[in-house]
């Protein structure tokens, strides 16, 4: 009897504890059924947490400040992997990293792909992939804002056919767009290139309304207009997408041609801040006649993150656009039922202009050593082979190396370490160290053999290029991104605990009443929901 009463008490205590935990969970930000009906996801590309903090401090009536006043601001959010736009965006919409989604860069390499001209997939596989403005269909020098399939790499599909590989085909895991659409919600996204077909996910059908006005025309017939020559022309391209968001808030398609209802999840990227950070001088070639900032320096004035006039313009234009979205959400009576997430695919490096060191493309810097070693020869082979299974190097403020001969990985890594000072290298990631963070390149077709993180501030690009910053690497300035998750019902909070931007994806699903485990990357990488969201 004594044991029975003891067991009964323990069961009662455990039941009470479970009820208490359940009540605690039910008072969270997303407890009330149907409270959040829409998620608006905004990426202000390049925006650091420092940019958000400084802008709010200097503009207390700004849209950024309003969103933070009823939201959680994460000051120590970082991207889960290298900070290129593709893996940066995929973190936000898959909840994962290249470990599960398999995408390292927009211009990359895969050991199972063939050249676009190889229509039969004959010979040994292995080819570089360009998922940027070069895959657009063009009329003259103007993009048609759709992909030209003849420009795409090819692979052998499950049925044995040689087929083009669209950006969404390169993705190995599902997206929030696919999950939400499967649950009956409408989806929309706007971005800078048609290559952002990527967000459709492996199904190719995740986004109901994808809008991709090309920002950088690169036709095969010659030179097209590149809006990123000026922060002002870039902001005008951003505004095309802002109008699309306003139309979607009003319940229309992005072009306002059809009433379809407000999407359950929608959003866009802004480029003006990223361009304002990167430009050495605005409108250097005069191709943006609207520019009133021609010749003025971009980026930051100091290591404390004081923006130049060019960067300040990008921040102000972005803030004004965010305010227009807030106003329209209020006008339509759905601000209270919308989770408003403002973050960034990536940061930008360096912030301190005194640290800028443009040394030339990585392979060219290696060639400048005049080394006769076999390891140096491997780099030279990769650099000089235009197509086929010869490896590839992509560089910005990082260098990703896919070797033509993977058995040489240790030798090449040792060579790079021995010449680290001359090559401006901070760290060479290869072998066991690389496999601690990513998949084994010996068995994974898209993982680089070697990743080079240069010394802070080093940019592997031509010294004459009009850039004073880049992204793609692992530095704090590259990976530390601004992040505000806002809703009028939320308390204002600041969370300094480290979080990953990949937690945005499961957080959006949970807000909409969908199990975050529906995302494959969340299951495999155990990505948590963002902490500190409550009202």
Protein backbone atom coordinates (compact mmCIF):
# COMPACT_ATOMS: atom_id res chain seq x y z
CA UNK A 1 0.00 0.00 0.00
CA UNK A 2 2.86 2.32 0.87
CA UNK A 3 4.54 1.66 -2.48
CA UNK A 4 1.23 2.11 -4.27
CA UNK A 5 0.64 5.53 -2.66
CA UNK A 6 4.24 6.49 -3.44
CA UNK A 7 3.83 5.51 -7.09
CA UNK A 8 0.51 7.37 -7.22
CA UNK A 9 2.13 10.49 -5.80
CA UNK A 10 4.98 10.28 -8.32
CA UNK A 11 2.50 9.92 -11.19
CA UNK A 12 0.50 12.90 -9.90
CA UNK A 13 3.66 14.98 -9.55
CA UNK A 14 4.85 14.09 -13.03
CA UNK A 15 1.41 14.83 -14.49
CA UNK A 16 1.31 18.19 -12.70
CA UNK A 17 4.83 18.97 -13.91
CA UNK A 18 3.82 18.11 -17.46
CA UNK A 19 0.78 20.37 -17.19
CA UNK A 20 2.98 23.18 -15.84
CA UNK A 21 5.43 22.79 -18.71
CA UNK A 22 2.51 22.69 -21.14
CA UNK A 23 1.09 25.91 -19.68
CA UNK A 24 4.51 27.53 -19.89
CA UNK A 25 4.78 26.57 -23.54
CA UNK A 26 1.22 27.68 -24.25
CA UNK A 27 2.07 31.21 -23.07
CA UNK A 28 4.76 31.50 -25.68
CA UNK A 29 4.58 33.93 -28.56
CA UNK A 30 2.91 31.44 -30.91
CA UNK A 31 0.46 29.73 -28.58
CA UNK A 32 -2.87 31.17 -29.64
CA UNK A 33 -4.23 29.26 -32.62
CA UNK A 34 -4.31 31.45 -35.69
CA UNK A 35 -2.56 34.37 -33.98
CA UNK A 36 0.11 34.53 -36.70
CA UNK A 37 -1.28 34.05 -40.20
CA UNK A 38 1.51 35.54 -42.32
CA UNK A 39 5.29 35.64 -42.21
CA UNK A 40 7.13 38.44 -44.02
CA UNK A 41 10.83 37.58 -44.38
CA UNK A 42 13.21 40.38 -45.38
CA UNK A 43 16.91 40.01 -46.11
CA UNK A 44 18.86 43.27 -46.06
CA UNK A 45 21.94 41.76 -47.68
CA UNK A 46 25.17 42.83 -45.99
CA UNK A 47 23.51 44.20 -42.86
CA UNK A 48 25.47 43.54 -39.68
CA UNK A 49 24.03 43.59 -36.18
CA UNK A 50 26.22 46.69 -35.71
CA UNK A 51 24.45 48.45 -38.59
CA UNK A 52 21.07 47.79 -36.98
CA UNK A 53 22.22 49.02 -33.56
CA UNK A 54 23.78 52.22 -34.91
CA UNK A 55 20.87 53.01 -37.21
CA UNK A 56 18.27 52.64 -34.47
CA UNK A 57 20.36 54.75 -32.08
CA UNK A 58 20.66 57.55 -34.65
CA UNK A 59 17.10 57.19 -36.02
CA UNK A 60 14.80 56.48 -33.06
CA UNK A 61 11.67 56.98 -35.18
CA UNK A 62 12.82 54.68 -37.98
CA UNK A 63 11.10 51.52 -39.19
CA UNK A 64 13.97 49.50 -37.78
CA UNK A 65 13.33 51.11 -34.39
CA UNK A 66 9.58 50.45 -34.58
CA UNK A 67 10.11 46.79 -35.40
CA UNK A 68 12.61 46.43 -32.54
CA UNK A 69 10.23 48.18 -30.12
CA UNK A 70 7.89 45.20 -30.29
CA UNK A 71 10.25 42.42 -31.23
CA UNK A 72 13.32 40.47 -30.23
CA UNK A 73 16.64 41.78 -31.52
CA UNK A 74 19.41 39.18 -31.75
CA UNK A 75 22.78 40.91 -31.59
CA UNK A 76 24.87 37.76 -31.88
CA UNK A 77 23.22 36.02 -34.84
CA UNK A 78 25.52 34.35 -37.34
CA UNK A 79 25.18 32.43 -40.56
CA UNK A 80 25.74 28.67 -40.10
CA UNK A 81 28.36 28.39 -42.85
CA UNK A 82 30.21 30.46 -45.44
CA UNK A 83 28.48 33.74 -46.08
CA UNK A 84 27.68 33.74 -49.79
CA UNK A 85 24.18 34.81 -50.84
CA UNK A 86 23.08 31.28 -51.80
CA UNK A 87 23.95 29.43 -48.56
CA UNK A 88 22.98 32.56 -46.62
CA UNK A 89 19.47 32.60 -48.05
CA UNK A 90 19.14 28.83 -47.83
CA UNK A 91 19.92 29.01 -44.11
CA UNK A 92 16.87 31.27 -43.73
CA UNK A 93 14.51 29.11 -45.77
CA UNK A 94 15.72 25.54 -45.12
CA UNK A 95 16.97 25.74 -41.54
CA UNK A 96 20.26 24.19 -42.61
CA UNK A 97 23.76 24.55 -43.98
CA UNK A 98 25.63 23.01 -46.93
CA UNK A 99 25.77 19.82 -44.86
CA UNK A 100 22.14 19.17 -45.82
CA UNK A 101 21.25 21.58 -48.63
CA UNK A 102 24.50 21.00 -50.53
CA UNK A 103 25.02 24.55 -51.91
CA UNK A 104 28.30 26.36 -51.18
CA UNK A 105 28.20 29.29 -53.58
CA UNK A 106 26.25 30.67 -56.51
CA UNK A 107 29.27 29.94 -58.71
CA UNK A 108 30.48 26.53 -57.63
CA UNK A 109 31.46 23.02 -58.78
CA UNK A 110 29.94 19.56 -58.76
CA UNK A 111 31.75 16.34 -59.59
CA UNK A 112 28.59 14.82 -61.13
CA UNK A 113 27.76 17.67 -63.54
CA UNK A 114 28.67 18.18 -67.18
CA UNK A 115 29.26 21.29 -69.28
CA UNK A 116 26.10 22.97 -70.68
CA UNK A 117 27.26 22.14 -74.21
CA UNK A 118 27.58 18.43 -73.41
CA UNK A 119 24.04 17.44 -74.39
CA UNK A 120 24.66 13.69 -74.00
CA UNK A 121 26.61 13.82 -70.72
CA UNK A 122 29.46 11.98 -72.44
CA UNK A 123 32.86 11.52 -70.84
CA UNK A 124 34.00 12.00 -67.26
CA UNK A 125 31.68 14.12 -65.10
CA UNK A 126 32.74 17.20 -63.16
CA UNK A 127 32.04 20.82 -64.08
CA UNK A 128 31.70 24.26 -62.57
CA UNK A 129 28.25 25.78 -62.14
CA UNK A 130 27.24 29.41 -62.57
CA UNK A 131 23.92 30.29 -60.98
CA UNK A 132 24.08 34.05 -61.46
CA UNK A 133 23.14 36.66 -64.07
CA UNK A 134 24.95 34.72 -66.81
CA UNK A 135 22.22 32.05 -67.00
CA UNK A 136 19.48 34.54 -67.92
CA UNK A 137 17.71 34.61 -71.25
CA UNK A 138 18.55 37.93 -72.96
CA UNK A 139 17.03 40.04 -75.67
CA UNK A 140 19.95 42.12 -76.83
CA UNK A 141 21.64 43.31 -73.64
CA UNK A 142 18.53 43.19 -71.42
CA UNK A 143 17.52 40.20 -69.33
CA UNK A 144 14.11 38.65 -69.92
CA UNK A 145 14.11 37.77 -66.20
CA UNK A 146 13.89 34.06 -66.94
CA UNK A 147 16.50 31.31 -67.10
CA UNK A 148 17.92 30.14 -70.42
CA UNK A 149 18.16 26.33 -70.00
CA UNK A 150 20.94 26.10 -72.59
CA UNK A 151 23.27 27.89 -70.14
CA UNK A 152 22.76 25.36 -67.35
CA UNK A 153 25.11 22.52 -66.39
CA UNK A 154 23.80 19.05 -67.11
CA UNK A 155 23.63 15.73 -65.27
CA UNK A 156 22.27 12.24 -65.72
CA UNK A 157 18.90 11.98 -63.98
CA UNK A 158 17.34 8.92 -62.30
CA UNK A 159 15.94 7.71 -65.61
CA UNK A 160 19.33 7.93 -67.33
CA UNK A 161 18.58 11.08 -69.33
CA UNK A 162 21.04 13.94 -69.74
CA UNK A 163 19.13 16.96 -68.39
CA UNK A 164 19.86 20.59 -67.47
CA UNK A 165 20.31 21.28 -63.76
CA UNK A 166 18.21 24.25 -62.66
CA UNK A 167 19.23 26.03 -59.45
CA UNK A 168 16.40 24.36 -57.54
CA UNK A 169 17.67 20.97 -58.73
CA UNK A 170 20.97 21.60 -56.94
CA UNK A 171 19.16 21.82 -53.60
CA UNK A 172 19.18 18.58 -51.56
CA UNK A 173 16.64 19.53 -48.91
CA UNK A 174 13.20 21.12 -48.78
CA UNK A 175 12.29 24.73 -48.05
CA UNK A 176 9.70 26.57 -45.95
CA UNK A 177 7.98 27.47 -49.21
CA UNK A 178 7.41 23.81 -50.06
CA UNK A 179 6.30 22.95 -46.52
CA UNK A 180 3.89 25.88 -46.25
CA UNK A 181 2.48 25.29 -49.72
CA UNK A 182 1.88 21.63 -48.86
CA UNK A 183 -0.04 22.82 -45.79
CA UNK A 184 -2.32 24.92 -48.02
CA UNK A 185 -0.60 28.30 -47.72
CA UNK A 186 0.28 30.64 -50.57
CA UNK A 187 3.97 31.48 -51.07
CA UNK A 188 5.90 34.31 -52.74
CA UNK A 189 9.49 35.56 -52.97
CA UNK A 190 11.41 38.32 -54.79
CA UNK A 191 15.16 38.44 -55.38
CA UNK A 192 17.94 39.84 -57.58
CA UNK A 193 18.44 37.17 -60.28
CA UNK A 194 16.25 34.57 -62.01
CA UNK A 195 18.74 32.09 -60.52
CA UNK A 196 16.80 32.48 -57.27
CA UNK A 197 14.59 29.80 -58.74
CA UNK A 198 16.71 28.11 -56.07
CA UNK A 199 14.05 28.83 -53.41
CA UNK A 200 11.51 26.67 -55.23
CA UNK A 201 13.25 23.71 -53.60
CA UNK A 202 13.80 20.24 -55.10
CA UNK A 203 10.16 20.04 -56.19
CA UNK A 204 10.68 23.09 -58.40
CA UNK A 205 7.24 24.32 -57.33
CA UNK A 206 7.61 25.74 -53.82
CA UNK A 207 7.01 29.39 -54.68
CA UNK A 208 3.65 30.35 -56.17
CA UNK A 209 4.80 33.86 -57.11
CA UNK A 210 8.53 34.25 -57.81
CA UNK A 211 9.65 37.70 -58.98
CA UNK A 212 13.28 38.21 -60.02
CA UNK A 213 14.04 41.52 -61.76
CA UNK A 214 17.67 41.19 -62.87
CA UNK A 215 20.00 43.64 -61.15
CA UNK A 216 23.14 42.83 -63.17
CA UNK A 217 22.71 42.28 -66.89
CA UNK A 218 25.49 40.12 -68.35
CA UNK A 219 24.44 39.10 -71.87
CA UNK A 220 26.71 36.88 -73.97
CA UNK A 221 26.52 39.45 -76.76
CA UNK A 222 28.19 42.23 -74.81
CA UNK A 223 27.86 44.42 -71.75
CA UNK A 224 24.50 45.14 -70.19
CA UNK A 225 23.52 47.63 -67.52
CA UNK A 226 24.69 46.77 -64.02
CA UNK A 227 22.58 48.59 -61.43
CA UNK A 228 25.16 47.86 -58.73
CA UNK A 229 27.48 50.51 -60.15
CA UNK A 230 25.55 52.93 -57.95
CA UNK A 231 23.67 52.66 -54.68
CA UNK A 232 20.97 54.86 -56.21
CA UNK A 233 20.31 52.62 -59.21
CA UNK A 234 20.48 49.62 -56.88
CA UNK A 235 17.81 51.16 -54.62
CA UNK A 236 15.62 51.68 -57.69
CA UNK A 237 15.92 47.96 -58.47
CA UNK A 238 15.06 47.20 -54.85
CA UNK A 239 11.94 49.34 -55.21
CA UNK A 240 10.65 47.08 -57.97
CA UNK A 241 10.55 44.30 -55.39
CA UNK A 242 9.12 46.59 -52.71
CA UNK A 243 6.17 47.34 -55.01
CA UNK A 244 5.73 43.59 -55.44
CA UNK A 245 5.56 43.14 -51.66
CA UNK A 246 3.00 45.97 -51.34
CA UNK A 247 0.86 44.33 -54.03
CA UNK A 248 1.08 41.01 -52.21
CA UNK A 249 0.12 42.62 -48.89
CA UNK A 250 -2.94 43.94 -50.74
CA UNK A 251 -3.79 40.38 -51.75
CA UNK A 252 -2.62 40.51 -55.37
CA UNK A 253 0.12 38.82 -57.36
CA UNK A 254 3.41 40.74 -57.46
CA UNK A 255 2.36 42.53 -60.67
CA UNK A 256 -1.13 43.33 -59.31
CA UNK A 257 -2.73 41.48 -62.20
CA UNK A 258 -4.71 38.95 -60.16
CA UNK A 259 -6.26 38.89 -56.70
CA UNK A 260 -5.06 35.74 -54.95
CA UNK A 261 -4.98 36.57 -51.22
CA UNK A 262 -2.10 37.51 -48.95
CA UNK A 263 0.65 34.86 -48.92
CA UNK A 264 1.24 32.83 -45.79
CA UNK A 265 4.95 33.41 -46.33
CA UNK A 266 6.53 36.01 -48.59
CA UNK A 267 9.48 38.35 -48.72
CA UNK A 268 12.41 39.82 -50.62
CA UNK A 269 16.03 40.82 -50.48
CA UNK A 270 17.43 44.36 -50.48
CA UNK A 271 20.72 45.04 -52.25
CA UNK A 272 21.27 48.77 -51.57
CA UNK A 273 23.03 48.27 -48.22
CA UNK A 274 25.32 45.56 -49.62
CA UNK A 275 26.22 47.73 -52.61
CA UNK A 276 26.68 50.77 -50.37
CA UNK A 277 29.15 48.75 -48.30
CA UNK A 278 31.06 47.35 -51.28
CA UNK A 279 31.45 50.33 -53.60
CA UNK A 280 34.84 52.01 -53.47
CA UNK A 281 33.19 54.92 -55.32
CA UNK A 282 29.62 55.39 -56.45
CA UNK A 283 28.81 55.40 -60.18
CA UNK A 284 32.44 55.17 -61.18
CA UNK A 285 31.67 54.66 -64.88
CA UNK A 286 28.78 57.16 -65.03
CA UNK A 287 26.29 54.52 -66.21
CA UNK A 288 23.73 55.47 -63.55
CA UNK A 289 22.67 58.96 -64.68
CA UNK A 290 20.30 59.31 -61.72
CA UNK A 291 23.15 59.20 -59.23
CA UNK A 292 23.67 62.29 -57.08
CA UNK A 293 26.53 60.53 -55.28
CA UNK A 294 28.86 60.04 -58.26
CA UNK A 295 32.48 59.66 -57.18
CA UNK A 296 31.72 59.52 -53.46
CA UNK A 297 33.23 56.73 -51.39
CA UNK A 298 31.16 53.85 -50.14
CA UNK A 299 31.56 51.61 -47.14
CA UNK A 300 32.46 52.82 -43.66
CA UNK A 301 34.43 55.80 -42.38
CA UNK A 302 36.06 53.85 -39.55
CA UNK A 303 36.27 50.53 -37.77
CA UNK A 304 33.40 51.55 -35.48
CA UNK A 305 30.93 51.18 -38.35
CA UNK A 306 30.20 54.83 -39.16
CA UNK A 307 28.59 54.72 -42.62
CA UNK A 308 29.70 56.89 -45.51
CA UNK A 309 27.10 59.02 -47.29
CA UNK A 310 26.76 56.30 -49.92
CA UNK A 311 26.05 53.56 -47.36
CA UNK A 312 23.78 55.85 -45.35
CA UNK A 313 21.69 56.36 -48.48
CA UNK A 314 21.27 52.59 -48.82
CA UNK A 315 20.24 52.27 -45.17
CA UNK A 316 17.76 55.17 -45.40
CA UNK A 317 16.13 53.85 -48.58
CA UNK A 318 15.79 50.39 -47.07
CA UNK A 319 14.28 51.79 -43.87
CA UNK A 320 11.76 53.85 -45.86
CA UNK A 321 10.77 50.71 -47.76
CA UNK A 322 10.27 48.78 -44.52
CA UNK A 323 8.07 51.61 -43.25
CA UNK A 324 5.94 51.38 -46.40
CA UNK A 325 5.42 47.68 -45.68
CA UNK A 326 4.43 48.39 -42.07
CA UNK A 327 1.98 51.05 -43.26
CA UNK A 328 0.42 48.72 -45.82
CA UNK A 329 0.11 45.86 -43.34
CA UNK A 330 -1.70 48.25 -41.00
CA UNK A 331 -3.88 49.53 -43.83
CA UNK A 332 -4.98 45.98 -44.64
CA UNK A 333 -5.51 45.16 -40.96
CA UNK A 334 -2.97 42.33 -40.90
CA UNK A 335 0.01 43.87 -39.09
CA UNK A 336 -1.01 42.19 -35.82
CA UNK A 337 -1.24 38.78 -37.51
CA UNK A 338 2.10 39.05 -39.37
CA UNK A 339 5.46 37.82 -38.13
CA UNK A 340 7.90 40.42 -39.53
CA UNK A 341 11.46 39.09 -39.77
CA UNK A 342 14.29 41.41 -40.83
CA UNK A 343 17.72 39.84 -41.18
CA UNK A 344 20.45 39.31 -43.79
CA UNK A 345 21.76 36.51 -45.96
CA UNK A 346 25.30 37.61 -45.08
CA UNK A 347 27.40 40.41 -43.68
CA UNK A 348 30.31 42.15 -45.43
CA UNK A 349 34.03 42.33 -44.71
CA UNK A 350 35.94 44.32 -43.71
CA UNK A 351 34.10 47.03 -41.81
CA UNK A 352 37.34 48.87 -41.05
CA UNK A 353 38.53 50.57 -44.28
CA UNK A 354 42.12 50.52 -43.02
CA UNK A 355 42.05 46.73 -43.30
CA UNK A 356 41.16 46.52 -47.01
CA UNK A 357 43.77 44.50 -48.90
CA UNK A 358 42.95 43.69 -52.53
CA UNK A 359 45.61 41.26 -53.70
CA UNK A 360 44.25 39.70 -56.90
CA UNK A 361 42.57 36.38 -57.58
CA UNK A 362 43.81 33.56 -55.40
CA UNK A 363 45.22 31.40 -58.21
CA UNK A 364 47.08 34.42 -59.60
CA UNK A 365 48.60 35.11 -56.17
CA UNK A 366 49.74 31.47 -56.03
CA UNK A 367 51.20 31.77 -59.54
CA UNK A 368 53.14 34.82 -58.37
CA UNK A 369 55.14 32.63 -56.00
CA UNK A 370 56.92 31.09 -59.02
CA UNK A 371 56.85 27.74 -57.27
CA UNK A 372 57.69 24.57 -59.16
CA UNK A 373 56.02 22.25 -56.66
CA UNK A 374 53.35 19.78 -57.75
CA UNK A 375 50.94 21.37 -55.29
CA UNK A 376 51.28 24.74 -57.00
CA UNK A 377 50.78 22.99 -60.33
CA UNK A 378 47.46 21.62 -59.07
CA UNK A 379 46.25 25.16 -58.42
CA UNK A 380 47.47 26.21 -61.86
CA UNK A 381 45.60 23.34 -63.55
CA UNK A 382 42.38 24.25 -61.77
CA UNK A 383 42.80 27.91 -62.70
CA UNK A 384 43.46 27.33 -66.39
CA UNK A 385 40.93 24.65 -67.27
CA UNK A 386 37.74 26.29 -68.53
CA UNK A 387 35.46 23.26 -68.54
CA UNK A 388 35.33 19.58 -67.68
CA UNK A 389 36.52 17.50 -64.71
CA UNK A 390 39.47 19.73 -63.90
CA UNK A 391 38.36 21.25 -60.61
CA UNK A 392 37.54 24.86 -59.87
CA UNK A 393 38.43 27.81 -57.65
CA UNK A 394 35.97 30.48 -56.59
CA UNK A 395 37.17 33.41 -54.55
CA UNK A 396 35.94 36.60 -52.89
CA UNK A 397 37.09 37.09 -49.31
CA UNK A 398 37.41 33.33 -49.28
CA UNK A 399 38.80 30.74 -51.69
CA UNK A 400 36.94 27.48 -52.32
CA UNK A 401 39.08 24.88 -54.08
CA UNK A 402 37.83 21.75 -55.85
CA UNK A 403 40.94 19.91 -57.00
CA UNK A 404 41.31 18.05 -60.27
CA UNK A 405 43.12 15.30 -58.36
CA UNK A 406 41.61 14.78 -54.92
CA UNK A 407 44.48 12.52 -53.88
CA UNK A 408 46.62 15.69 -53.79
CA UNK A 409 44.48 17.38 -51.13
CA UNK A 410 46.92 16.92 -48.24
CA UNK A 411 49.88 17.98 -50.37
CA UNK A 412 48.15 21.14 -51.63
CA UNK A 413 46.94 22.04 -48.14
CA UNK A 414 50.47 21.66 -46.78
CA UNK A 415 51.84 23.83 -49.58
CA UNK A 416 49.27 26.56 -48.81
CA UNK A 417 50.07 26.42 -45.09
CA UNK A 418 53.79 26.71 -45.77
CA UNK A 419 53.17 29.79 -47.93
CA UNK A 420 50.37 31.26 -45.81
CA UNK A 421 52.05 34.62 -45.24
CA UNK A 422 52.81 35.23 -48.90
CA UNK A 423 49.27 34.16 -49.86
CA UNK A 424 47.61 36.28 -47.12
CA UNK A 425 46.09 33.14 -45.59
CA UNK A 426 44.73 33.01 -42.07
CA UNK A 427 43.58 29.39 -42.16
CA UNK A 428 43.57 26.45 -44.55
CA UNK A 429 40.59 24.16 -43.90
CA UNK A 430 41.02 20.68 -45.34
CA UNK A 431 41.05 17.01 -44.43
CA UNK A 432 39.79 16.14 -40.95
CA UNK A 433 39.18 19.79 -40.04
CA UNK A 434 36.92 20.31 -43.06
CA UNK A 435 35.01 17.10 -42.34
CA UNK A 436 34.23 18.35 -38.81
CA UNK A 437 32.07 21.10 -40.33
CA UNK A 438 31.01 19.77 -43.74
CA UNK A 439 30.55 16.50 -45.60
CA UNK A 440 33.54 14.49 -46.79
CA UNK A 441 34.53 15.78 -50.27
CA UNK A 442 35.67 12.26 -51.12
CA UNK A 443 32.05 11.13 -51.05
CA UNK A 444 30.05 14.35 -51.47
CA UNK A 445 30.10 15.70 -55.03
CA UNK A 446 29.70 19.40 -54.20
CA UNK A 447 31.90 19.90 -51.10
CA UNK A 448 35.22 21.68 -51.79
CA UNK A 449 38.46 19.85 -51.05
CA UNK A 450 40.03 22.91 -49.45
CA UNK A 451 38.65 26.17 -48.07
CA UNK A 452 41.02 29.10 -47.61
CA UNK A 453 40.07 31.81 -45.11
CA UNK A 454 42.34 34.81 -45.80
CA UNK A 455 43.61 37.33 -43.29
CA UNK A 456 40.86 39.74 -42.23
CA UNK A 457 40.32 42.43 -44.84
CA UNK A 458 41.94 40.51 -47.70
CA UNK A 459 39.87 40.33 -50.88
CA UNK A 460 40.92 37.93 -53.60
CA UNK A 461 39.86 40.14 -56.48
CA UNK A 462 41.55 42.42 -58.98
CA UNK A 463 43.00 45.46 -57.17
CA UNK A 464 41.42 47.79 -59.74
CA UNK A 465 37.90 46.51 -59.06
CA UNK A 466 35.51 49.02 -57.56
CA UNK A 467 35.11 47.10 -54.31
CA UNK A 468 36.23 47.84 -50.79
CA UNK A 469 34.46 44.88 -49.15
CA UNK A 470 33.23 41.39 -50.02
CA UNK A 471 31.41 38.44 -48.49
CA UNK A 472 31.64 34.67 -48.69
CA UNK A 473 34.00 33.89 -45.84
CA UNK A 474 33.79 32.91 -42.18
CA UNK A 475 34.98 36.12 -40.50
CA UNK A 476 32.79 37.78 -37.88
CA UNK A 477 32.04 40.70 -40.21
CA UNK A 478 30.97 38.22 -42.90
CA UNK A 479 28.78 36.04 -40.72
CA UNK A 480 27.38 38.32 -37.99
CA UNK A 481 24.03 39.50 -39.33
CA UNK A 482 21.28 41.73 -38.04
CA UNK A 483 18.15 39.90 -36.92
CA UNK A 484 14.85 41.30 -35.60
CA UNK A 485 11.75 39.12 -35.19
CA UNK A 486 8.79 41.40 -34.68
CA UNK A 487 5.05 41.40 -34.04
CA UNK A 488 2.91 44.07 -32.31
CA UNK A 489 2.06 41.57 -29.54
CA UNK A 490 5.70 40.93 -28.66
CA UNK A 491 7.70 42.52 -25.87
CA UNK A 492 10.87 44.40 -26.77
CA UNK A 493 13.88 42.21 -26.01
CA UNK A 494 17.55 41.96 -26.81
CA UNK A 495 19.10 38.50 -26.93
CA UNK A 496 22.90 38.36 -26.88
CA UNK A 497 23.10 34.58 -26.71
CA UNK A 498 24.64 33.21 -29.94
CA UNK A 499 22.05 32.02 -32.43
CA UNK A 500 22.19 30.90 -36.06
CA UNK A 501 20.27 32.52 -38.89
CA UNK A 502 19.12 29.01 -39.83
CA UNK A 503 16.80 29.14 -36.80
CA UNK A 504 14.62 31.62 -38.72
CA UNK A 505 13.12 28.81 -40.82
CA UNK A 506 11.76 26.63 -37.99
CA UNK A 507 10.64 29.78 -36.16
CA UNK A 508 8.51 30.84 -39.13
CA UNK A 509 6.94 27.40 -39.38
CA UNK A 510 6.18 27.27 -35.66
CA UNK A 511 4.61 30.74 -35.84
CA UNK A 512 2.30 29.53 -38.59
CA UNK A 513 1.31 26.44 -36.61
CA UNK A 514 3.38 24.01 -38.69
CA UNK A 515 5.78 21.48 -37.19
CA UNK A 516 9.37 22.66 -37.81
CA UNK A 517 10.34 19.00 -38.19
CA UNK A 518 8.71 19.12 -41.62
CA UNK A 519 12.02 20.66 -42.75
CA UNK A 520 14.55 17.94 -43.52
CA UNK A 521 17.49 20.16 -42.55
CA UNK A 522 15.92 20.89 -39.16
CA UNK A 523 15.64 17.15 -38.52
CA UNK A 524 19.21 16.34 -39.53
CA UNK A 525 20.99 19.41 -38.16
CA UNK A 526 18.77 19.72 -35.06
CA UNK A 527 18.12 23.40 -35.74
CA UNK A 528 16.23 25.01 -32.84
CA UNK A 529 13.54 27.67 -32.89
CA UNK A 530 14.83 31.13 -31.93
CA UNK A 531 14.75 31.78 -28.18
CA UNK A 532 13.25 34.75 -26.37
CA UNK A 533 10.05 35.27 -28.35
CA UNK A 534 7.17 36.03 -26.01
CA UNK A 535 4.47 38.55 -25.16
